Amino acid sequence: MKKIGLKNPKGKLRWHLVFPFIPDFIDIVKVMEHGADKYAEDNWMENVTERPMYYRDATLRHLTSYIIGEKKDNDSGLPTLAHVICSLLIMMWRDRSKNEKTTRRTCSM
């Protein structure tokens, strides 16, 4: 009889908890692609560093749009909440990278 070893997942990330959100992650990537096409790829990095209020304002604008019933963004046609999440992720990136030389392509996880 084969003995099954026990694993202790304590303290390890449980990625299976986010698998139901994979289609939503795709919408988030599409929002980032929309921004790259509309402005420039990685343009958000400079903007969030130089003008952090831009993303706070964008978050509140999109969230307000969602609250009043706009489920899809008028400009991109993508879910309004995906825009909110992108703005929040960008602000999180800024907070994490303030004291690091971090770019999207070489971020430390």
Protein backbone atom coordinates (compact mmCIF):
# COMPACT_ATOMS: atom_id res chain seq x y z
CA MET A 1 0.00 0.00 0.00
CA LYS A 2 1.36 3.36 -1.02
CA LYS A 3 1.77 5.83 1.81
CA ILE A 4 0.49 9.35 1.13
CA GLY A 5 2.64 12.13 2.50
CA LEU A 6 1.03 15.00 4.32
CA LYS A 7 1.60 18.56 3.25
CA ASN A 8 1.28 21.53 5.49
CA PRO A 9 -0.10 24.48 3.49
CA LYS A 10 0.04 26.84 6.46
CA GLY A 11 1.70 30.09 5.52
CA LYS A 12 1.58 29.34 1.77
CA LEU A 13 -0.49 31.24 -0.75
CA ARG A 14 -3.70 29.42 -1.67
CA TRP A 15 -4.01 30.33 -5.34
CA HIS A 16 -7.05 28.12 -5.76
CA LEU A 17 -9.04 30.77 -3.93
CA VAL A 18 -8.78 33.18 -6.89
CA PHE A 19 -9.44 30.73 -9.75
CA PRO A 20 -13.15 31.69 -10.02
CA PHE A 21 -12.00 35.21 -10.91
CA ILE A 22 -9.91 34.27 -13.99
CA PRO A 23 -12.45 35.83 -16.46
CA ASP A 24 -12.36 39.02 -14.36
CA PHE A 25 -8.55 39.04 -14.53
CA ILE A 26 -8.85 38.91 -18.31
CA ASP A 27 -11.04 42.04 -18.21
CA ILE A 28 -8.40 43.74 -16.05
CA VAL A 29 -5.72 42.93 -18.65
CA LYS A 30 -8.02 44.29 -21.37
CA VAL A 31 -8.42 47.56 -19.43
CA MET A 32 -4.63 47.85 -19.17
CA GLU A 33 -4.33 47.14 -22.92
CA HIS A 34 -6.95 49.80 -23.61
CA GLY A 35 -4.89 52.30 -21.61
CA ALA A 36 -1.69 51.28 -23.41
CA ASP A 37 -3.37 51.72 -26.79
CA LYS A 38 -5.00 55.02 -25.84
CA TYR A 39 -2.00 56.64 -24.14
CA ALA A 40 1.21 54.58 -24.26
CA GLU A 41 2.43 51.35 -22.75
CA ASP A 42 3.65 51.90 -19.19
CA ASN A 43 2.44 55.52 -19.32
CA TRP A 44 0.68 54.92 -16.02
CA MET A 45 4.01 54.44 -14.22
CA GLU A 46 5.08 58.01 -14.86
CA ASN A 47 1.61 59.40 -14.19
CA VAL A 48 1.20 57.61 -10.88
CA THR A 49 4.62 58.77 -9.76
CA GLU A 50 4.17 62.39 -10.81
CA ARG A 51 0.42 62.78 -10.30
CA PRO A 52 -0.89 60.20 -7.83
CA MET A 53 -4.17 62.07 -7.46
CA TYR A 54 -4.97 61.15 -11.07
CA TYR A 55 -5.60 57.52 -10.10
CA ARG A 56 -7.51 58.39 -6.94
CA ASP A 57 -9.75 60.57 -9.07
CA ALA A 58 -10.09 57.86 -11.73
CA THR A 59 -10.98 55.27 -9.09
CA LEU A 60 -13.69 57.48 -7.64
CA ARG A 61 -15.01 58.44 -11.09
CA HIS A 62 -15.35 54.81 -12.17
CA LEU A 63 -16.74 53.71 -8.83
CA THR A 64 -19.33 56.49 -8.92
CA SER A 65 -20.26 55.48 -12.47
CA TYR A 66 -20.75 51.91 -11.28
CA ILE A 67 -22.87 52.99 -8.30
CA ILE A 68 -25.21 55.00 -10.52
CA GLY A 69 -25.68 52.00 -12.80
CA GLU A 70 -22.98 52.07 -15.49
CA LYS A 71 -21.79 48.47 -15.58
CA LYS A 72 -19.72 49.06 -18.75
CA ASP A 73 -17.32 51.94 -19.29
CA ASN A 74 -18.53 54.25 -22.09
CA ASP A 75 -15.04 54.69 -23.57
CA SER A 76 -13.70 51.13 -23.52
CA GLY A 77 -16.88 49.07 -23.35
CA LEU A 78 -15.22 47.03 -20.60
CA PRO A 79 -16.61 46.44 -17.10
CA THR A 80 -16.55 49.61 -15.02
CA LEU A 81 -15.33 47.67 -11.99
CA ALA A 82 -12.34 46.40 -14.01
CA HIS A 83 -11.36 50.07 -14.42
CA VAL A 84 -11.74 50.58 -10.66
CA ILE A 85 -9.56 47.54 -9.97
CA CYS A 86 -6.87 48.71 -12.41
CA SER A 87 -6.71 52.11 -10.74
CA LEU A 88 -6.45 50.44 -7.33
CA LEU A 89 -3.72 48.07 -8.56
CA ILE A 90 -1.76 51.00 -9.94
CA MET A 91 -2.04 52.81 -6.61
CA MET A 92 -0.92 49.64 -4.80
CA TRP A 93 2.05 49.38 -7.17
CA ARG A 94 2.96 52.99 -6.39
CA ASP A 95 2.81 52.39 -2.65
CA ARG A 96 4.91 49.24 -2.95
CA SER A 97 7.48 50.72 -5.28
CA LYS A 98 7.97 54.14 -3.70
CA ASN A 99 11.30 53.09 -2.24
CA GLU A 100 12.20 50.49 -4.84
CA LYS A 101 13.52 50.73 -8.35
CA THR A 102 10.57 48.72 -9.60
CA THR A 103 9.03 48.51 -13.03
CA ARG A 104 6.17 46.38 -14.18
CA ARG A 105 8.53 44.05 -16.03
CA THR A 106 11.04 43.61 -13.22
CA CYS A 107 8.86 43.76 -10.14
CA SER A 108 9.86 41.86 -7.08
CA MET A 109 7.09 39.61 -5.85
